[in-house]
Amino acid sequence: MSRKHVLMVGLLLGILLSGDLWAAGRFNPGKYKEVKPQDLGRNPENYKGEEIFLEKCCFGHLMDRFPDYFEKNHIKPDKYYCLRMFDFEHVPVLLKKKSDMAEIVRKLKTRAIIKIYGEVEKFKKLPKRGEIFAKYYLDLDHIEVVQSAEERLKEYEDKFKSRLQEIEKIRKIKEAVDKKCRLEKYAEVKPDALEKDAEYYTKEKIVLSATLDGLVPSFPVYFEKNGFKPEKYFQLRIDPRNVPVFIKKESGLDVIVGKLQHRHKVKLYGKLKEFRRLPKKGRIPAKYYIEADFIECPETSPERLKEQEDQCKRELEGIERIKERHKAR
């Protein structure tokens, strides 16, 4: 073989080998096993030596100070970043500051959602006495930002502002109904009295405290012949079951109906009426019904609304404080 051919073969082998080495150095997500953040937090020992990935983790902060035994394991603040996560606080995530991922880590802010890949390792040197912050750590290979802290805070901010608007809407609905109907004038009726002597309260404005059995999607034919159709009314089944409750979908009470849950204790304000058209044959499930003017459930009681309002305001104040800390970084 001529010297020229030897050089060409050597060149080709060099290209092939360098390609293999480049491919070997590439990040390969397929070799990592998915683990849930809470599982890693509870039992990190189950994953020792395994290459894992965590789909969505909530970033807490970068630790400024490392426990003494970290340094005995050659993990020092000048060489490593130590990420503390909300999902598994006692399994730190370690990354060398010379890593290609370092720039992403430096820019992380509290509450960012990240996807991380790495190998679970145990600290070789642990203190014999005193509190041990962590026995295991995740040696980080790769990180991806799923949702930035700014995006997540905006999502939470919108959620709490929306809830405050909803609370105000419920209050205004009750104020409007109260102004129109004067809810304090409604006579209180016990469920067992209504069950036995419904005809006695016909055309009366009543307030009834009852247990909700659920929303009923199907309407008997004679309900519809009396003008109660699924596209226009919500139908509630309560105890007593022989008195269905109808709420107009256009009444604005849909925001309250959406909060109702099975076995909720509800307070109903409305008129007790008799169905005008009843079937001539077959079983008649109900002769009387309540057409509701207003409904109150545990989630929409004045006390609960005030609790939720105060909570939303506290959360929004907390978000503002986090934003200020982000600006200061």
C-alpha atoms as a PDB file:
ATOM      1  CA  MET A   1       0.000   0.000   0.000  1.00  0.00           C
ATOM      2  CA  SER A   2       1.415   3.372  -0.975  1.00  0.00           C
ATOM      3  CA  ARG A   3       2.117   6.090   1.539  1.00  0.00           C
ATOM      4  CA  LYS A   4      -0.737   8.106   0.026  1.00  0.00           C
ATOM      5  CA  HIS A   5      -3.202   5.259   0.614  1.00  0.00           C
ATOM      6  CA  VAL A   6      -1.970   4.812   4.197  1.00  0.00           C
ATOM      7  CA  LEU A   7      -2.584   8.509   4.892  1.00  0.00           C
ATOM      8  CA  MET A   8      -6.085   8.347   3.369  1.00  0.00           C
ATOM      9  CA  VAL A   9      -7.019   5.264   5.436  1.00  0.00           C
ATOM     10  CA  GLY A  10      -5.672   6.937   8.569  1.00  0.00           C
ATOM     11  CA  LEU A  11      -7.679  10.059   7.808  1.00  0.00           C
ATOM     12  CA  LEU A  12     -10.913   8.063   7.326  1.00  0.00           C
ATOM     13  CA  LEU A  13     -10.345   6.113  10.541  1.00  0.00           C
ATOM     14  CA  GLY A  14      -9.736   9.388  12.367  1.00  0.00           C
ATOM     15  CA  ILE A  15     -13.007  10.832  11.069  1.00  0.00           C
ATOM     16  CA  LEU A  16     -14.940   7.681  12.023  1.00  0.00           C
ATOM     17  CA  LEU A  17     -13.404   7.524  15.483  1.00  0.00           C
ATOM     18  CA  SER A  18     -13.979  11.200  16.164  1.00  0.00           C
ATOM     19  CA  GLY A  19     -17.601  10.736  15.092  1.00  0.00           C
ATOM     20  CA  ASP A  20     -18.016   7.834  17.501  1.00  0.00           C
ATOM     21  CA  LEU A  21     -16.483   9.841  20.305  1.00  0.00           C
ATOM     22  CA  TRP A  22     -18.729  12.811  19.528  1.00  0.00           C
ATOM     23  CA  ALA A  23     -21.786  10.537  19.505  1.00  0.00           C
ATOM     24  CA  ALA A  24     -20.672   8.988  22.802  1.00  0.00           C
ATOM     25  CA  GLY A  25     -20.456  12.443  24.366  1.00  0.00           C
ATOM     26  CA  ARG A  26     -23.911  13.479  23.244  1.00  0.00           C
ATOM     27  CA  PHE A  27     -26.792  13.585  25.741  1.00  0.00           C
ATOM     28  CA  ASN A  28     -29.024  10.536  25.271  1.00  0.00           C
ATOM     29  CA  PRO A  29     -32.369  10.955  27.115  1.00  0.00           C
ATOM     30  CA  GLY A  30     -33.456   7.423  26.209  1.00  0.00           C
ATOM     31  CA  LYS A  31     -31.173   5.783  28.752  1.00  0.00           C
ATOM     32  CA  TYR A  32     -32.753   7.500  31.755  1.00  0.00           C
ATOM     33  CA  LYS A  33     -35.627   6.009  33.762  1.00  0.00           C
ATOM     34  CA  GLU A  34     -38.503   8.263  34.839  1.00  0.00           C
ATOM     35  CA  VAL A  35     -39.003   8.698  38.571  1.00  0.00           C
ATOM     36  CA  LYS A  36     -41.631  10.818  40.311  1.00  0.00           C
ATOM     37  CA  PRO A  37     -40.180  13.654  42.423  1.00  0.00           C
ATOM     38  CA  GLN A  38     -42.037  12.535  45.562  1.00  0.00           C
ATOM     39  CA  ASP A  39     -40.700   8.983  45.181  1.00  0.00           C
ATOM     40  CA  LEU A  40     -37.135  10.239  44.954  1.00  0.00           C
ATOM     41  CA  GLY A  41     -37.713  12.410  48.005  1.00  0.00           C
ATOM     42  CA  ARG A  42     -39.141   9.562  50.080  1.00  0.00           C
ATOM     43  CA  ASN A  43     -36.802   6.724  49.065  1.00  0.00           C
ATOM     44  CA  PRO A  44     -33.644   7.975  47.306  1.00  0.00           C
ATOM     45  CA  GLU A  45     -31.824   4.779  48.322  1.00  0.00           C
ATOM     46  CA  ASN A  46     -34.061   2.824  45.914  1.00  0.00           C
ATOM     47  CA  TYR A  47     -32.427   4.622  42.975  1.00  0.00           C
ATOM     48  CA  LYS A  48     -28.779   4.588  44.025  1.00  0.00           C
ATOM     49  CA  GLY A  49     -26.535   4.219  40.979  1.00  0.00           C
ATOM     50  CA  GLU A  50     -29.451   4.626  38.538  1.00  0.00           C
ATOM     51  CA  GLU A  51     -29.708   7.171  35.759  1.00  0.00           C
ATOM     52  CA  ILE A  52     -33.093   8.822  36.153  1.00  0.00           C
ATOM     53  CA  PHE A  53     -35.097  11.782  34.963  1.00  0.00           C
ATOM     54  CA  LEU A  54     -37.799  13.806  36.689  1.00  0.00           C
ATOM     55  CA  GLU A  55     -40.407  15.248  34.364  1.00  0.00           C
ATOM     56  CA  LYS A  56     -41.501  18.270  36.385  1.00  0.00           C
ATOM     57  CA  CYS A  57     -39.725  19.603  39.470  1.00  0.00           C
ATOM     58  CA  CYS A  58     -40.200  22.885  41.278  1.00  0.00           C
ATOM     59  CA  PHE A  59     -36.907  24.716  41.748  1.00  0.00           C
ATOM     60  CA  GLY A  60     -36.330  26.240  45.177  1.00  0.00           C
ATOM     61  CA  HIS A  61     -32.970  28.004  45.278  1.00  0.00           C
ATOM     62  CA  LEU A  62     -29.212  27.681  44.895  1.00  0.00           C
ATOM     63  CA  MET A  63     -27.565  26.920  48.216  1.00  0.00           C
ATOM     64  CA  ASP A  64     -24.945  29.494  49.264  1.00  0.00           C
ATOM     65  CA  ARG A  65     -23.495  27.418  52.062  1.00  0.00           C
ATOM     66  CA  PHE A  66     -22.740  23.720  51.942  1.00  0.00           C
ATOM     67  CA  PRO A  67     -22.697  21.410  54.977  1.00  0.00           C
ATOM     68  CA  ASP A  68     -19.147  20.579  56.113  1.00  0.00           C
ATOM     69  CA  TYR A  69     -19.376  16.976  54.975  1.00  0.00           C
ATOM     70  CA  PHE A  70     -20.079  18.107  51.390  1.00  0.00           C
ATOM     71  CA  GLU A  71     -16.567  19.505  51.264  1.00  0.00           C
ATOM     72  CA  LYS A  72     -15.167  16.260  52.666  1.00  0.00           C
ATOM     73  CA  ASN A  73     -16.750  14.648  49.609  1.00  0.00           C
ATOM     74  CA  HIS A  74     -14.881  17.194  47.422  1.00  0.00           C
ATOM     75  CA  ILE A  75     -18.061  19.144  46.731  1.00  0.00           C
ATOM     76  CA  LYS A  76     -17.161  22.788  47.300  1.00  0.00           C
ATOM     77  CA  PRO A  77     -19.104  26.021  46.600  1.00  0.00           C
ATOM     78  CA  ASP A  78     -16.399  27.313  44.254  1.00  0.00           C
ATOM     79  CA  LYS A  79     -16.694  24.225  42.048  1.00  0.00           C
ATOM     80  CA  TYR A  80     -20.340  23.151  42.290  1.00  0.00           C
ATOM     81  CA  TYR A  81     -23.841  24.517  42.149  1.00  0.00           C
ATOM     82  CA  CYS A  82     -26.184  22.900  44.661  1.00  0.00           C
ATOM     83  CA  LEU A  83     -29.849  23.113  43.678  1.00  0.00           C
ATOM     84  CA  ARG A  84     -32.453  22.676  46.382  1.00  0.00           C
ATOM     85  CA  MET A  85     -35.846  21.559  45.125  1.00  0.00           C
ATOM     86  CA  PHE A  86     -39.280  22.017  46.676  1.00  0.00           C
ATOM     87  CA  ASP A  87     -40.346  18.482  45.658  1.00  0.00           C
ATOM     88  CA  PHE A  88     -37.442  16.640  47.308  1.00  0.00           C
ATOM     89  CA  GLU A  89     -35.684  19.046  49.648  1.00  0.00           C
ATOM     90  CA  HIS A  90     -33.289  16.510  51.136  1.00  0.00           C
ATOM     91  CA  VAL A  91     -31.895  15.207  47.865  1.00  0.00           C
ATOM     92  CA  PRO A  92     -29.694  18.050  46.563  1.00  0.00           C
ATOM     93  CA  VAL A  93     -28.980  18.341  42.861  1.00  0.00           C
ATOM     94  CA  LEU A  94     -25.309  18.962  42.103  1.00  0.00           C
ATOM     95  CA  LEU A  95     -23.732  20.414  38.978  1.00  0.00           C
ATOM     96  CA  LYS A  96     -20.140  21.364  38.237  1.00  0.00           C
ATOM     97  CA  LYS A  97     -19.766  25.073  37.540  1.00  0.00           C
ATOM     98  CA  LYS A  98     -17.739  24.243  34.427  1.00  0.00           C
ATOM     99  CA  SER A  99     -20.673  22.302  32.941  1.00  0.00           C
ATOM    100  CA  ASP A 100     -22.440  23.370  29.754  1.00  0.00           C
ATOM    101  CA  MET A 101     -25.625  23.484  31.843  1.00  0.00           C
ATOM    102  CA  ALA A 102     -24.195  26.087  34.243  1.00  0.00           C
ATOM    103  CA  GLU A 103     -25.641  29.087  32.383  1.00  0.00           C
ATOM    104  CA  ILE A 104     -29.186  27.659  32.620  1.00  0.00           C
ATOM    105  CA  VAL A 105     -28.764  26.958  36.340  1.00  0.00           C
ATOM    106  CA  ARG A 106     -27.434  30.455  37.071  1.00  0.00           C
ATOM    107  CA  LYS A 107     -30.543  31.994  35.520  1.00  0.00           C
ATOM    108  CA  LEU A 108     -33.039  29.812  37.393  1.00  0.00           C
ATOM    109  CA  LYS A 109     -35.455  31.598  39.696  1.00  0.00           C
ATOM    110  CA  THR A 110     -37.582  30.305  42.558  1.00  0.00           C
ATOM    111  CA  ARG A 111     -40.693  28.366  41.453  1.00  0.00           C
ATOM    112  CA  ALA A 112     -39.422  27.600  37.940  1.00  0.00           C
ATOM    113  CA  ILE A 113     -40.521  24.172  36.698  1.00  0.00           C
ATOM    114  CA  ILE A 114     -37.629  22.127  35.352  1.00  0.00           C
ATOM    115  CA  LYS A 115     -36.966  18.698  33.869  1.00  0.00           C
ATOM    116  CA  ILE A 116     -33.749  17.119  35.083  1.00  0.00           C
ATOM    117  CA  TYR A 117     -31.625  14.108  34.222  1.00  0.00           C
ATOM    118  CA  GLY A 118     -28.866  12.609  36.303  1.00  0.00           C
ATOM    119  CA  GLU A 119     -27.493   9.761  38.392  1.00  0.00           C
ATOM    120  CA  VAL A 120     -28.390   9.172  42.028  1.00  0.00           C
ATOM    121  CA  GLU A 121     -25.290   8.863  44.200  1.00  0.00           C
ATOM    122  CA  LYS A 122     -24.630   8.436  47.916  1.00  0.00           C
ATOM    123  CA  PHE A 123     -22.207  10.681  49.776  1.00  0.00           C
ATOM    124  CA  LYS A 124     -19.171   8.538  50.550  1.00  0.00           C
ATOM    125  CA  LYS A 125     -18.280  10.427  53.700  1.00  0.00           C
ATOM    126  CA  LEU A 126     -21.078  11.170  56.153  1.00  0.00           C
ATOM    127  CA  PRO A 127     -20.812  12.713  59.621  1.00  0.00           C
ATOM    128  CA  LYS A 128     -20.957  10.228  62.491  1.00  0.00           C
ATOM    129  CA  ARG A 129     -22.829  12.664  64.709  1.00  0.00           C
ATOM    130  CA  GLY A 130     -25.316  15.452  64.375  1.00  0.00           C
ATOM    131  CA  GLU A 131     -27.978  16.149  61.796  1.00  0.00           C
ATOM    132  CA  ILE A 132     -27.431  14.878  58.263  1.00  0.00           C
ATOM    133  CA  PHE A 133     -28.951  17.173  55.664  1.00  0.00           C
ATOM    134  CA  ALA A 134     -28.769  14.562  52.883  1.00  0.00           C
ATOM    135  CA  LYS A 135     -27.343  11.083  52.360  1.00  0.00           C
ATOM    136  CA  TYR A 136     -27.969  11.007  48.622  1.00  0.00           C
ATOM    137  CA  TYR A 137     -27.689  13.521  45.797  1.00  0.00           C
ATOM    138  CA  LEU A 138     -28.487  13.728  42.117  1.00  0.00           C
ATOM    139  CA  ASP A 139     -25.452  14.262  39.905  1.00  0.00           C
ATOM    140  CA  LEU A 140     -26.960  16.439  37.187  1.00  0.00           C
ATOM    141  CA  ASP A 141     -26.339  15.596  33.528  1.00  0.00           C
ATOM    142  CA  HIS A 142     -28.972  17.672  31.773  1.00  0.00           C
ATOM    143  CA  ILE A 143     -31.617  20.261  32.591  1.00  0.00           C
ATOM    144  CA  GLU A 144     -34.532  21.781  30.658  1.00  0.00           C
ATOM    145  CA  VAL A 145     -36.746  24.669  31.736  1.00  0.00           C
ATOM    146  CA  VAL A 146     -40.368  23.560  31.338  1.00  0.00           C
ATOM    147  CA  GLN A 147     -41.916  26.751  32.696  1.00  0.00           C
ATOM    148  CA  SER A 148     -40.040  29.849  33.806  1.00  0.00           C
ATOM    149  CA  ALA A 149     -40.649  31.341  37.240  1.00  0.00           C
ATOM    150  CA  GLU A 150     -42.142  34.432  35.590  1.00  0.00           C
ATOM    151  CA  GLU A 151     -44.620  32.336  33.589  1.00  0.00           C
ATOM    152  CA  ARG A 152     -45.567  30.295  36.630  1.00  0.00           C
ATOM    153  CA  LEU A 153     -46.047  33.335  38.846  1.00  0.00           C
ATOM    154  CA  LYS A 154     -48.222  34.932  36.158  1.00  0.00           C
ATOM    155  CA  GLU A 155     -50.312  31.748  36.026  1.00  0.00           C
ATOM    156  CA  TYR A 156     -50.806  31.796  39.806  1.00  0.00           C
ATOM    157  CA  GLU A 157     -51.436  35.536  39.830  1.00  0.00           C
ATOM    158  CA  ASP A 158     -54.153  35.199  37.179  1.00  0.00           C
ATOM    159  CA  LYS A 159     -55.697  32.293  39.095  1.00  0.00           C
ATOM    160  CA  PHE A 160     -56.000  34.233  42.367  1.00  0.00           C
ATOM    161  CA  LYS A 161     -57.197  37.413  40.649  1.00  0.00           C
ATOM    162  CA  SER A 162     -59.823  35.367  38.800  1.00  0.00           C
ATOM    163  CA  ARG A 163     -60.980  33.844  42.100  1.00  0.00           C
ATOM    164  CA  LEU A 164     -61.295  37.319  43.657  1.00  0.00           C
ATOM    165  CA  GLN A 165     -63.431  38.410  40.707  1.00  0.00           C
ATOM    166  CA  GLU A 166     -65.582  35.296  41.137  1.00  0.00           C
ATOM    167  CA  ILE A 167     -66.058  36.020  44.855  1.00  0.00           C
ATOM    168  CA  GLU A 168     -67.137  39.567  44.061  1.00  0.00           C
ATOM    169  CA  LYS A 169     -69.525  38.263  41.401  1.00  0.00           C
ATOM    170  CA  ILE A 170     -71.186  35.865  43.877  1.00  0.00           C
ATOM    171  CA  ARG A 171     -71.619  38.686  46.391  1.00  0.00           C
ATOM    172  CA  LYS A 172     -73.159  40.962  43.787  1.00  0.00           C
ATOM    173  CA  ILE A 173     -75.550  38.205  42.656  1.00  0.00           C
ATOM    174  CA  LYS A 174     -76.767  37.743  46.224  1.00  0.00           C
ATOM    175  CA  GLU A 175     -77.091  41.507  46.709  1.00  0.00           C
ATOM    176  CA  ALA A 176     -79.148  41.802  43.508  1.00  0.00           C
ATOM    177  CA  VAL A 177     -81.405  38.868  44.429  1.00  0.00           C
ATOM    178  CA  ASP A 178     -81.800  40.165  47.983  1.00  0.00           C
ATOM    179  CA  LYS A 179     -82.731  43.604  46.714  1.00  0.00           C
ATOM    180  CA  LYS A 180     -85.309  42.139  44.339  1.00  0.00           C
ATOM    181  CA  CYS A 181     -86.717  39.310  46.475  1.00  0.00           C
ATOM    182  CA  ARG A 182     -85.815  40.305  50.063  1.00  0.00           C
ATOM    183  CA  LEU A 183     -84.479  36.940  51.117  1.00  0.00           C
ATOM    184  CA  GLU A 184     -85.027  37.652  54.821  1.00  0.00           C
ATOM    185  CA  LYS A 185     -88.788  37.427  54.149  1.00  0.00           C
ATOM    186  CA  TYR A 186     -88.594  33.773  53.079  1.00  0.00           C
ATOM    187  CA  ALA A 187     -90.121  31.382  55.626  1.00  0.00           C
ATOM    188  CA  GLU A 188     -87.908  28.555  56.873  1.00  0.00           C
ATOM    189  CA  VAL A 189     -89.268  25.062  56.223  1.00  0.00           C
ATOM    190  CA  LYS A 190     -87.877  21.748  57.503  1.00  0.00           C
ATOM    191  CA  PRO A 191     -87.214  18.998  54.915  1.00  0.00           C
ATOM    192  CA  ASP A 192     -89.457  16.459  56.685  1.00  0.00           C
ATOM    193  CA  ALA A 193     -92.336  18.977  56.819  1.00  0.00           C
ATOM    194  CA  LEU A 194     -91.958  19.616  53.096  1.00  0.00           C
ATOM    195  CA  GLU A 195     -91.936  15.904  52.396  1.00  0.00           C
ATOM    196  CA  LYS A 196     -95.184  15.288  54.330  1.00  0.00           C
ATOM    197  CA  ASP A 197     -97.165  18.466  53.659  1.00  0.00           C
ATOM    198  CA  ALA A 198     -95.801  19.991  50.463  1.00  0.00           C
ATOM    199  CA  GLU A 199     -99.228  21.235  49.357  1.00  0.00           C
ATOM    200  CA  TYR A 200     -99.434  23.377  52.494  1.00  0.00           C
ATOM    201  CA  TYR A 201     -96.497  25.522  51.317  1.00  0.00           C
ATOM    202  CA  THR A 202     -97.593  25.877  47.688  1.00  0.00           C
ATOM    203  CA  LYS A 203     -96.853  29.329  46.261  1.00  0.00           C
ATOM    204  CA  GLU A 204     -94.993  30.248  49.464  1.00  0.00           C
ATOM    205  CA  LYS A 205     -91.544  31.786  49.460  1.00  0.00           C
ATOM    206  CA  ILE A 206     -89.500  29.338  51.470  1.00  0.00           C
ATOM    207  CA  VAL A 207     -85.926  28.799  52.597  1.00  0.00           C
ATOM    208  CA  LEU A 208     -84.897  25.174  52.925  1.00  0.00           C
ATOM    209  CA  SER A 209     -81.691  23.718  54.353  1.00  0.00           C
ATOM    210  CA  ALA A 210     -81.188  20.360  52.655  1.00  0.00           C
ATOM    211  CA  THR A 211     -78.592  17.814  51.574  1.00  0.00           C
ATOM    212  CA  LEU A 212     -77.715  17.846  47.895  1.00  0.00           C
ATOM    213  CA  ASP A 213     -77.880  14.480  46.178  1.00  0.00           C
ATOM    214  CA  GLY A 214     -76.600  15.846  42.877  1.00  0.00           C
ATOM    215  CA  LEU A 215     -77.329  17.525  39.569  1.00  0.00           C
ATOM    216  CA  VAL A 216     -79.765  15.556  37.425  1.00  0.00           C
ATOM    217  CA  PRO A 217     -79.147  15.675  33.650  1.00  0.00           C
ATOM    218  CA  SER A 218     -82.289  13.776  32.561  1.00  0.00           C
ATOM    219  CA  PHE A 219     -85.752  15.328  32.758  1.00  0.00           C
ATOM    220  CA  PRO A 220     -88.988  13.269  32.728  1.00  0.00           C
ATOM    221  CA  VAL A 221     -91.279  14.104  29.792  1.00  0.00           C
ATOM    222  CA  TYR A 222     -93.826  15.855  31.983  1.00  0.00           C
ATOM    223  CA  PHE A 223     -91.099  18.153  33.386  1.00  0.00           C
ATOM    224  CA  GLU A 224     -90.515  19.369  29.840  1.00  0.00           C
ATOM    225  CA  LYS A 225     -94.271  19.720  29.247  1.00  0.00           C
ATOM    226  CA  ASN A 226     -94.243  22.092  32.209  1.00  0.00           C
ATOM    227  CA  GLY A 227     -91.506  24.168  30.552  1.00  0.00           C
ATOM    228  CA  PHE A 228     -88.492  22.719  32.367  1.00  0.00           C
ATOM    229  CA  LYS A 229     -85.958  21.722  29.712  1.00  0.00           C
ATOM    230  CA  PRO A 230     -82.313  20.724  30.219  1.00  0.00           C
ATOM    231  CA  GLU A 231     -81.027  23.488  27.962  1.00  0.00           C
ATOM    232  CA  LYS A 232     -82.755  26.146  30.101  1.00  0.00           C
ATOM    233  CA  TYR A 233     -82.652  24.793  33.649  1.00  0.00           C
ATOM    234  CA  PHE A 234     -80.396  23.066  36.134  1.00  0.00           C
ATOM    235  CA  GLN A 235     -82.187  20.324  38.037  1.00  0.00           C
ATOM    236  CA  LEU A 236     -81.032  19.565  41.571  1.00  0.00           C
ATOM    237  CA  ARG A 237     -81.986  16.462  43.484  1.00  0.00           C
ATOM    238  CA  ILE A 238     -82.191  17.037  47.224  1.00  0.00           C
ATOM    239  CA  ASP A 239     -83.529  15.299  50.302  1.00  0.00           C
ATOM    240  CA  PRO A 240     -86.563  15.106  50.251  1.00  0.00           C
ATOM    241  CA  ARG A 241     -86.357  13.532  46.796  1.00  0.00           C
ATOM    242  CA  ASN A 242     -90.010  14.094  45.947  1.00  0.00           C
ATOM    243  CA  VAL A 243     -89.387  17.831  45.483  1.00  0.00           C
ATOM    244  CA  PRO A 244     -86.980  18.626  42.603  1.00  0.00           C
ATOM    245  CA  VAL A 245     -85.300  22.022  42.433  1.00  0.00           C
ATOM    246  CA  PHE A 246     -84.988  24.045  39.228  1.00  0.00           C
ATOM    247  CA  ILE A 247     -82.560  26.916  38.638  1.00  0.00           C
ATOM    248  CA  LYS A 248     -82.640  28.991  35.475  1.00  0.00           C
ATOM    249  CA  LYS A 249     -79.328  28.801  33.629  1.00  0.00           C
ATOM    250  CA  GLU A 250     -79.660  32.474  32.725  1.00  0.00           C
ATOM    251  CA  SER A 251     -80.151  33.503  36.365  1.00  0.00           C
ATOM    252  CA  GLY A 252     -76.425  34.048  36.934  1.00  0.00           C
ATOM    253  CA  LEU A 253     -76.398  31.343  39.604  1.00  0.00           C
ATOM    254  CA  ASP A 254     -74.336  29.048  37.372  1.00  0.00           C
ATOM    255  CA  VAL A 255     -71.164  30.276  39.140  1.00  0.00           C
ATOM    256  CA  ILE A 256     -72.601  28.861  42.399  1.00  0.00           C
ATOM    257  CA  VAL A 257     -74.021  25.713  40.804  1.00  0.00           C
ATOM    258  CA  GLY A 258     -70.514  24.987  39.534  1.00  0.00           C
ATOM    259  CA  LYS A 259     -69.292  24.834  43.151  1.00  0.00           C
ATOM    260  CA  LEU A 260     -71.882  22.288  44.277  1.00  0.00           C
ATOM    261  CA  GLN A 261     -70.752  18.831  45.338  1.00  0.00           C
ATOM    262  CA  HIS A 262     -72.518  15.611  46.254  1.00  0.00           C
ATOM    263  CA  ARG A 263     -73.787  15.638  49.877  1.00  0.00           C
ATOM    264  CA  HIS A 264     -73.230  19.369  50.233  1.00  0.00           C
ATOM    265  CA  LYS A 265     -75.469  21.051  52.777  1.00  0.00           C
ATOM    266  CA  VAL A 266     -77.234  23.705  50.728  1.00  0.00           C
ATOM    267  CA  LYS A 267     -79.559  26.541  51.591  1.00  0.00           C
ATOM    268  CA  LEU A 268     -82.279  27.097  48.998  1.00  0.00           C
ATOM    269  CA  TYR A 269     -84.417  30.198  48.612  1.00  0.00           C
ATOM    270  CA  GLY A 270     -87.389  29.892  46.267  1.00  0.00           C
ATOM    271  CA  LYS A 271     -91.079  29.317  45.643  1.00  0.00           C
ATOM    272  CA  LEU A 272     -92.772  25.969  46.070  1.00  0.00           C
ATOM    273  CA  LYS A 273     -95.078  25.297  43.124  1.00  0.00           C
ATOM    274  CA  GLU A 274     -97.254  22.504  41.773  1.00  0.00           C
ATOM    275  CA  PHE A 275     -96.706  20.994  38.327  1.00  0.00           C
ATOM    276  CA  ARG A 276     -99.628  22.041  36.126  1.00  0.00           C
ATOM    277  CA  ARG A 277     -99.350  19.085  33.786  1.00  0.00           C
ATOM    278  CA  LEU A 278     -99.045  15.632  35.252  1.00  0.00           C
ATOM    279  CA  PRO A 279     -99.059  12.290  33.426  1.00  0.00           C
ATOM    280  CA  LYS A 280    -102.421  10.528  33.490  1.00  0.00           C
ATOM    281  CA  LYS A 281    -100.814   7.108  33.761  1.00  0.00           C
ATOM    282  CA  GLY A 282     -97.740   5.591  35.361  1.00  0.00           C
ATOM    283  CA  ARG A 283     -95.659   6.651  38.334  1.00  0.00           C
ATOM    284  CA  ILE A 284     -95.405  10.320  39.194  1.00  0.00           C
ATOM    285  CA  PRO A 285     -92.020  11.038  40.816  1.00  0.00           C
ATOM    286  CA  ALA A 286     -93.001  14.540  41.942  1.00  0.00           C
ATOM    287  CA  LYS A 287     -96.097  16.727  42.104  1.00  0.00           C
ATOM    288  CA  TYR A 288     -94.350  19.769  43.523  1.00  0.00           C
ATOM    289  CA  TYR A 289     -91.075  21.570  42.799  1.00  0.00           C
ATOM    290  CA  ILE A 290     -89.017  24.506  43.978  1.00  0.00           C
ATOM    291  CA  GLU A 291     -88.055  27.215  41.529  1.00  0.00           C
ATOM    292  CA  ALA A 292     -84.957  28.637  43.208  1.00  0.00           C
ATOM    293  CA  ASP A 293     -84.208  32.356  43.460  1.00  0.00           C
ATOM    294  CA  PHE A 294     -80.906  31.781  45.227  1.00  0.00           C
ATOM    295  CA  ILE A 295     -78.752  28.934  46.521  1.00  0.00           C
ATOM    296  CA  GLU A 296     -75.959  28.894  49.043  1.00  0.00           C
ATOM    297  CA  CYS A 297     -73.445  26.088  49.631  1.00  0.00           C
ATOM    298  CA  PRO A 298     -70.474  25.735  52.014  1.00  0.00           C
ATOM    299  CA  GLU A 299     -68.085  27.149  49.401  1.00  0.00           C
ATOM    300  CA  THR A 300     -70.234  30.250  48.836  1.00  0.00           C
ATOM    301  CA  SER A 301     -71.300  31.075  52.394  1.00  0.00           C
ATOM    302  CA  PRO A 302     -70.346  34.625  53.475  1.00  0.00           C
ATOM    303  CA  GLU A 303     -67.819  33.265  55.990  1.00  0.00           C
ATOM    304  CA  ARG A 304     -66.155  30.978  53.444  1.00  0.00           C
ATOM    305  CA  LEU A 305     -66.039  33.724  50.809  1.00  0.00           C
ATOM    306  CA  LYS A 306     -64.292  36.013  53.306  1.00  0.00           C
ATOM    307  CA  GLU A 307     -61.753  33.258  54.117  1.00  0.00           C
ATOM    308  CA  GLN A 308     -61.056  32.681  50.433  1.00  0.00           C
ATOM    309  CA  GLU A 309     -60.779  36.409  49.758  1.00  0.00           C
ATOM    310  CA  ASP A 310     -58.216  36.851  52.541  1.00  0.00           C
ATOM    311  CA  GLN A 311     -56.265  33.803  51.330  1.00  0.00           C
ATOM    312  CA  CYS A 312     -56.167  35.075  47.733  1.00  0.00           C
ATOM    313  CA  LYS A 313     -54.929  38.466  48.905  1.00  0.00           C
ATOM    314  CA  ARG A 314     -52.187  36.838  50.985  1.00  0.00           C
ATOM    315  CA  GLU A 315     -51.119  34.711  48.013  1.00  0.00           C
ATOM    316  CA  LEU A 316     -50.984  37.759  45.741  1.00  0.00           C
ATOM    317  CA  GLU A 317     -48.894  39.630  48.317  1.00  0.00           C
ATOM    318  CA  GLY A 318     -46.540  36.639  48.433  1.00  0.00           C
ATOM    319  CA  ILE A 319     -46.237  36.658  44.644  1.00  0.00           C
ATOM    320  CA  GLU A 320     -45.321  40.344  44.721  1.00  0.00           C
ATOM    321  CA  ARG A 321     -42.594  39.635  47.287  1.00  0.00           C
ATOM    322  CA  ILE A 322     -41.168  36.860  45.097  1.00  0.00           C
ATOM    323  CA  LYS A 323     -41.207  39.223  42.100  1.00  0.00           C
ATOM    324  CA  GLU A 324     -39.256  41.805  44.101  1.00  0.00           C
ATOM    325  CA  ARG A 325     -36.672  39.184  45.065  1.00  0.00           C
ATOM    326  CA  HIS A 326     -36.346  38.183  41.410  1.00  0.00           C
ATOM    327  CA  LYS A 327     -35.714  41.789  40.436  1.00  0.00           C
ATOM    328  CA  ALA A 328     -33.061  42.097  43.110  1.00  0.00           C
ATOM    329  CA  ARG A 329     -31.084  39.123  41.731  1.00  0.00           C
END
